[in-house]
C-alpha atoms as a PDB file:
ATOM      1  CA  MET A   1     -13.888  16.052  -9.401  1.00  0.00           C
ATOM      2  CA  SER A   2     -16.646  17.258  -7.250  1.00  0.00           C
ATOM      3  CA  SER A   3     -16.371  21.158  -5.215  1.00  0.00           C
ATOM      4  CA  GLY A   4     -14.078  21.009  -2.354  1.00  0.00           C
ATOM      5  CA  SER A   5     -12.710  17.639  -2.956  1.00  0.00           C
ATOM      6  CA  ARG A   6      -9.031  17.322  -2.281  1.00  0.00           C
ATOM      7  CA  SER A   7      -7.871  14.395  -4.042  1.00  0.00           C
ATOM      8  CA  ALA A   8      -6.114  14.457  -7.366  1.00  0.00           C
ATOM      9  CA  PRO A   9      -7.459  13.492 -10.836  1.00  0.00           C
ATOM     10  CA  ALA A  10      -6.691   9.779 -11.419  1.00  0.00           C
ATOM     11  CA  VAL A  11      -3.879   9.241 -14.255  1.00  0.00           C
ATOM     12  CA  GLY A  12      -3.494   6.517 -17.235  1.00  0.00           C
ATOM     13  CA  VAL A  13      -0.673   4.299 -16.574  1.00  0.00           C
ATOM     14  CA  ASP A  14       0.510   5.661 -20.093  1.00  0.00           C
ATOM     15  CA  ARG A  15       0.535   8.870 -18.108  1.00  0.00           C
ATOM     16  CA  LEU A  16       3.030   7.841 -15.143  1.00  0.00           C
ATOM     17  CA  GLN A  17       6.130   9.884 -15.022  1.00  0.00           C
ATOM     18  CA  PRO A  18       9.136   8.824 -13.285  1.00  0.00           C
ATOM     19  CA  GLY A  19       8.828   9.440  -9.878  1.00  0.00           C
ATOM     20  CA  ASP A  20       5.253   8.836  -9.654  1.00  0.00           C
ATOM     21  CA  HIS A  21       3.530   5.607  -7.446  1.00  0.00           C
ATOM     22  CA  ALA A  22       0.428   3.791  -8.537  1.00  0.00           C
ATOM     23  CA  PHE A  23      -2.371   1.684  -6.883  1.00  0.00           C
ATOM     24  CA  LEU A  24      -4.374  -0.327  -9.289  1.00  0.00           C
ATOM     25  CA  ALA A  25      -7.646  -2.077  -8.494  1.00  0.00           C
ATOM     26  CA  PHE A  26      -8.741  -4.814  -9.974  1.00  0.00           C
ATOM     27  CA  SER A  27     -12.040  -6.844 -10.682  1.00  0.00           C
ATOM     28  CA  ASP A  28     -10.725 -10.301 -11.337  1.00  0.00           C
ATOM     29  CA  ASP A  29      -7.267 -12.164 -11.663  1.00  0.00           C
ATOM     30  CA  GLU A  30      -8.093 -11.780 -15.385  1.00  0.00           C
ATOM     31  CA  GLU A  31      -8.128  -8.520 -15.143  1.00  0.00           C
ATOM     32  CA  ARG A  32      -5.431  -7.731 -12.568  1.00  0.00           C
ATOM     33  CA  TRP A  33      -2.986  -9.612 -14.691  1.00  0.00           C
ATOM     34  CA  GLU A  34      -3.670  -7.892 -17.904  1.00  0.00           C
ATOM     35  CA  ILE A  35      -3.189  -4.339 -16.348  1.00  0.00           C
ATOM     36  CA  LEU A  36      -0.329  -5.641 -15.153  1.00  0.00           C
ATOM     37  CA  SER A  37       1.001  -6.621 -17.879  1.00  0.00           C
ATOM     38  CA  THR A  38       0.361  -3.771 -19.828  1.00  0.00           C
ATOM     39  CA  PHE A  39       2.254  -1.165 -17.375  1.00  0.00           C
ATOM     40  CA  THR A  40       5.163  -3.262 -17.482  1.00  0.00           C
ATOM     41  CA  ARG A  41       5.867  -3.730 -20.661  1.00  0.00           C
ATOM     42  CA  GLN A  42       5.235  -0.096 -21.733  1.00  0.00           C
ATOM     43  CA  GLY A  43       7.682   0.056 -18.870  1.00  0.00           C
ATOM     44  CA  LEU A  44       9.652  -1.968 -20.176  1.00  0.00           C
ATOM     45  CA  ALA A  45       9.456  -0.371 -23.165  1.00  0.00           C
ATOM     46  CA  ARG A  46      10.736   2.840 -22.373  1.00  0.00           C
ATOM     47  CA  GLU A  47      13.269   1.915 -20.724  1.00  0.00           C
ATOM     48  CA  GLU A  48      12.129   2.563 -17.437  1.00  0.00           C
ATOM     49  CA  LYS A  49      12.534   0.455 -13.880  1.00  0.00           C
ATOM     50  CA  VAL A  50       9.279  -1.143 -13.116  1.00  0.00           C
ATOM     51  CA  PHE A  51       9.126  -2.048  -9.412  1.00  0.00           C
ATOM     52  CA  LEU A  52       5.705  -4.411  -8.761  1.00  0.00           C
ATOM     53  CA  LEU A  53       4.821  -4.757  -5.260  1.00  0.00           C
ATOM     54  CA  LEU A  54       2.350  -8.377  -5.215  1.00  0.00           C
ATOM     55  CA  ASP A  55       0.450 -10.924  -3.123  1.00  0.00           C
ATOM     56  CA  VAL A  56       1.965 -13.784  -5.146  1.00  0.00           C
ATOM     57  CA  ARG A  57       3.473 -17.105  -4.045  1.00  0.00           C
ATOM     58  CA  SER A  58       6.536 -17.028  -6.741  1.00  0.00           C
ATOM     59  CA  SER A  59       7.770 -13.803  -8.049  1.00  0.00           C
ATOM     60  CA  GLY A  60       9.792 -15.622 -10.474  1.00  0.00           C
ATOM     61  CA  GLU A  61       6.595 -17.072 -12.037  1.00  0.00           C
ATOM     62  CA  ALA A  62       5.087 -13.330 -12.097  1.00  0.00           C
ATOM     63  CA  ALA A  63       7.838 -11.915 -13.844  1.00  0.00           C
ATOM     64  CA  ALA A  64       7.523 -13.745 -16.568  1.00  0.00           C
ATOM     65  CA  ARG A  65       3.889 -14.169 -16.953  1.00  0.00           C
ATOM     66  CA  VAL A  66       3.696  -9.588 -16.459  1.00  0.00           C
ATOM     67  CA  ALA A  67       7.236  -9.144 -19.400  1.00  0.00           C
ATOM     68  CA  GLY A  68       5.900 -11.779 -21.533  1.00  0.00           C
ATOM     69  CA  SER A  69       8.474 -14.349 -21.305  1.00  0.00           C
ATOM     70  CA  ALA A  70      10.518 -16.237 -18.363  1.00  0.00           C
ATOM     71  CA  ALA A  71      13.240 -15.055 -21.109  1.00  0.00           C
ATOM     72  CA  ALA A  72      12.000 -11.659 -21.148  1.00  0.00           C
ATOM     73  CA  ALA A  73      11.780 -11.334 -17.056  1.00  0.00           C
ATOM     74  CA  ARG A  74      15.338 -12.700 -17.004  1.00  0.00           C
ATOM     75  CA  ARG A  75      16.677  -9.873 -18.887  1.00  0.00           C
ATOM     76  CA  ALA A  76      14.644  -7.715 -17.514  1.00  0.00           C
ATOM     77  CA  VAL A  77      15.661  -8.964 -13.235  1.00  0.00           C
ATOM     78  CA  ASP A  78      19.456  -9.415 -14.470  1.00  0.00           C
ATOM     79  CA  ASP A  79      19.625  -5.822 -15.821  1.00  0.00           C
ATOM     80  CA  GLY A  80      17.498  -4.093 -12.843  1.00  0.00           C
ATOM     81  CA  ARG A  81      15.161  -2.791 -14.875  1.00  0.00           C
ATOM     82  CA  LEU A  82      12.374  -5.026 -13.444  1.00  0.00           C
ATOM     83  CA  VAL A  83      11.746  -5.698  -9.718  1.00  0.00           C
ATOM     84  CA  VAL A  84       8.502  -8.200  -8.417  1.00  0.00           C
ATOM     85  CA  SER A  85       8.692  -8.441  -4.663  1.00  0.00           C
ATOM     86  CA  ASN A  86       5.971 -10.347  -2.795  1.00  0.00           C
ATOM     87  CA  ALA A  87       6.896  -8.602   0.476  1.00  0.00           C
ATOM     88  CA  PRO A  88       3.278  -7.296   1.560  1.00  0.00           C
ATOM     89  CA  GLY A  89       2.569 -11.222   1.577  1.00  0.00           C
ATOM     90  CA  SER A  90       5.190 -12.155   4.486  1.00  0.00           C
ATOM     91  CA  THR A  91       5.103  -8.816   6.312  1.00  0.00           C
ATOM     92  CA  ARG A  92       0.940  -8.784   6.792  1.00  0.00           C
ATOM     93  CA  ALA A  93       0.626 -11.092   9.096  1.00  0.00           C
ATOM     94  CA  GLU A  94       3.258  -9.707  11.383  1.00  0.00           C
ATOM     95  CA  PHE A  95       1.607  -6.465  11.403  1.00  0.00           C
ATOM     96  CA  THR A  96      -1.562  -7.733  12.156  1.00  0.00           C
ATOM     97  CA  GLY A  97       0.285  -9.661  14.785  1.00  0.00           C
ATOM     98  CA  ALA A  98       1.634  -6.476  16.443  1.00  0.00           C
ATOM     99  CA  LEU A  99      -1.873  -4.680  16.124  1.00  0.00           C
ATOM    100  CA  ARG A 100      -3.267  -7.584  18.228  1.00  0.00           C
ATOM    101  CA  ALA A 101      -0.860  -7.243  20.640  1.00  0.00           C
ATOM    102  CA  LEU A 102      -1.210  -3.456  20.934  1.00  0.00           C
ATOM    103  CA  ALA A 103      -4.747  -3.985  21.306  1.00  0.00           C
ATOM    104  CA  ALA A 104      -4.245  -6.453  24.091  1.00  0.00           C
ATOM    105  CA  ARG A 105      -2.056  -4.020  26.021  1.00  0.00           C
ATOM    106  CA  PRO A 106      -3.831  -2.326  28.779  1.00  0.00           C
ATOM    107  CA  GLU A 107      -3.715   1.146  28.627  1.00  0.00           C
ATOM    108  CA  SER A 108      -6.497   3.544  28.207  1.00  0.00           C
ATOM    109  CA  THR A 109      -4.363   4.950  25.541  1.00  0.00           C
ATOM    110  CA  LEU A 110      -2.711   2.773  23.212  1.00  0.00           C
ATOM    111  CA  VAL A 111       0.466   4.782  21.134  1.00  0.00           C
ATOM    112  CA  LEU A 112       1.174   2.950  17.215  1.00  0.00           C
ATOM    113  CA  ASP A 113       4.027   5.341  16.217  1.00  0.00           C
ATOM    114  CA  ILE A 114       4.380   4.741  12.073  1.00  0.00           C
ATOM    115  CA  ALA A 115       5.977   7.914  11.846  1.00  0.00           C
ATOM    116  CA  ASP A 116       9.180   6.320  10.339  1.00  0.00           C
ATOM    117  CA  LEU A 117       7.467   4.013   8.331  1.00  0.00           C
ATOM    118  CA  SER A 118       8.089   4.500   4.513  1.00  0.00           C
ATOM    119  CA  PHE A 119       5.448   2.274   2.418  1.00  0.00           C
ATOM    120  CA  LEU A 120       1.755   2.055   4.062  1.00  0.00           C
ATOM    121  CA  ASP A 121      -0.500   0.186   2.328  1.00  0.00           C
ATOM    122  CA  ALA A 122      -4.757   0.292   1.980  1.00  0.00           C
ATOM    123  CA  TYR A 123      -4.970  -3.246   3.955  1.00  0.00           C
ATOM    124  CA  SER A 124      -2.722  -1.801   6.481  1.00  0.00           C
ATOM    125  CA  VAL A 125      -4.161   1.255   7.121  1.00  0.00           C
ATOM    126  CA  ASN A 126      -7.891  -0.671   7.509  1.00  0.00           C
ATOM    127  CA  ALA A 127      -6.137  -2.656  10.307  1.00  0.00           C
ATOM    128  CA  ILE A 128      -5.713   0.223  12.246  1.00  0.00           C
ATOM    129  CA  LEU A 129      -8.841   1.917  11.511  1.00  0.00           C
ATOM    130  CA  ARG A 130     -10.734  -1.779  12.711  1.00  0.00           C
ATOM    131  CA  LEU A 131      -8.338  -1.664  15.563  1.00  0.00           C
ATOM    132  CA  ALA A 132      -9.358   2.424  16.630  1.00  0.00           C
ATOM    133  CA  ALA A 133     -13.107   1.090  15.832  1.00  0.00           C
ATOM    134  CA  GLY A 134     -13.001  -1.796  17.821  1.00  0.00           C
ATOM    135  CA  LEU A 135     -11.974  -0.020  20.869  1.00  0.00           C
ATOM    136  CA  THR A 136     -14.570   0.568  23.668  1.00  0.00           C
ATOM    137  CA  PRO A 137     -14.407   4.143  25.167  1.00  0.00           C
ATOM    138  CA  PRO A 138     -12.243   5.294  26.993  1.00  0.00           C
ATOM    139  CA  ARG A 139      -9.682   3.377  25.418  1.00  0.00           C
ATOM    140  CA  ARG A 140      -8.320   5.107  22.147  1.00  0.00           C
ATOM    141  CA  LEU A 141      -6.089   4.895  19.773  1.00  0.00           C
ATOM    142  CA  GLU A 142      -3.321   7.520  18.711  1.00  0.00           C
ATOM    143  CA  VAL A 143      -1.286   7.313  15.816  1.00  0.00           C
ATOM    144  CA  ARG A 144       1.375   8.941  15.214  1.00  0.00           C
ATOM    145  CA  CYS A 145       2.449   9.526  11.487  1.00  0.00           C
ATOM    146  CA  ARG A 146       3.106  10.871   8.621  1.00  0.00           C
ATOM    147  CA  HIS A 147       1.553  13.777   6.797  1.00  0.00           C
ATOM    148  CA  ILE A 148       0.745  11.226   3.720  1.00  0.00           C
ATOM    149  CA  HIS A 149      -0.273   8.399   6.519  1.00  0.00           C
ATOM    150  CA  ARG A 150      -3.120  10.444   8.064  1.00  0.00           C
ATOM    151  CA  ARG A 151      -4.721  11.583   4.130  1.00  0.00           C
ATOM    152  CA  MET A 152      -4.855   8.058   3.651  1.00  0.00           C
ATOM    153  CA  LEU A 153      -6.240   7.130   7.410  1.00  0.00           C
ATOM    154  CA  HIS A 154      -8.594   9.977   6.985  1.00  0.00           C
ATOM    155  CA  ALA A 155      -9.247   9.208   3.288  1.00  0.00           C
ATOM    156  CA  LEU A 156     -10.627   5.883   4.532  1.00  0.00           C
ATOM    157  CA  GLY A 157     -12.783   6.705   7.130  1.00  0.00           C
ATOM    158  CA  GLY A 158     -10.575   7.622   9.882  1.00  0.00           C
ATOM    159  CA  ARG A 159     -12.451  10.700  10.536  1.00  0.00           C
ATOM    160  CA  LEU A 160     -15.972   9.088  11.389  1.00  0.00           C
ATOM    161  CA  ILE A 161     -13.916   6.646  14.188  1.00  0.00           C
ATOM    162  CA  ALA A 162     -14.063   8.950  17.840  1.00  0.00           C
ATOM    163  CA  GLN A 163     -11.474   6.378  19.233  1.00  0.00           C
ATOM    164  CA  LEU A 164      -8.932   7.500  16.819  1.00  0.00           C
ATOM    165  CA  SER A 165      -6.396  10.715  17.100  1.00  0.00           C
ATOM    166  CA  VAL A 166      -3.755  11.428  14.722  1.00  0.00           C
ATOM    167  CA  VAL A 167      -0.600  13.381  15.480  1.00  0.00           C
ATOM    168  CA  THR A 168       2.079  14.351  12.493  1.00  0.00           C
ATOM    169  CA  GLU A 169       2.694  17.909  14.074  1.00  0.00           C
ATOM    170  CA  ARG A 170       6.001  16.642  15.725  1.00  0.00           C
ATOM    171  CA  LEU A 171       7.091  15.050  12.438  1.00  0.00           C
END
């Protein structure tokens, strides 16, 4: 890790602890399913609850694929140890639509209040940053958010966008 870096070191999937959250990046679809299957099967073998947030059409088919079989998936889902949700795919269009509506407003300062948002993925952060970067001065975007969201906005390039201000003091 370089000096002055504030990011945490990478942790292997096998070293995740209860309460940890993980983000996994994949080079292709085959690698995606291999990693997700390993992660899921290790968690289920340790009697942990595994929650996967995936952009898939069928959460049942995805559960069967990561659990190893339809029967294993059904058992794990029925006893609450495996949850596969495709929520990001259904809410993404709504989120980007809301950002487009915000951008269309005439005010010089647009306010996006996501302080009550509990989950913000990299796609959504990039959508916010694209909105801010696309504003012509003197227009700007003020994002009111939690500290964790502020870190994500800054880590993905928000500090380089002059039209963006991030507010967390009152939160």
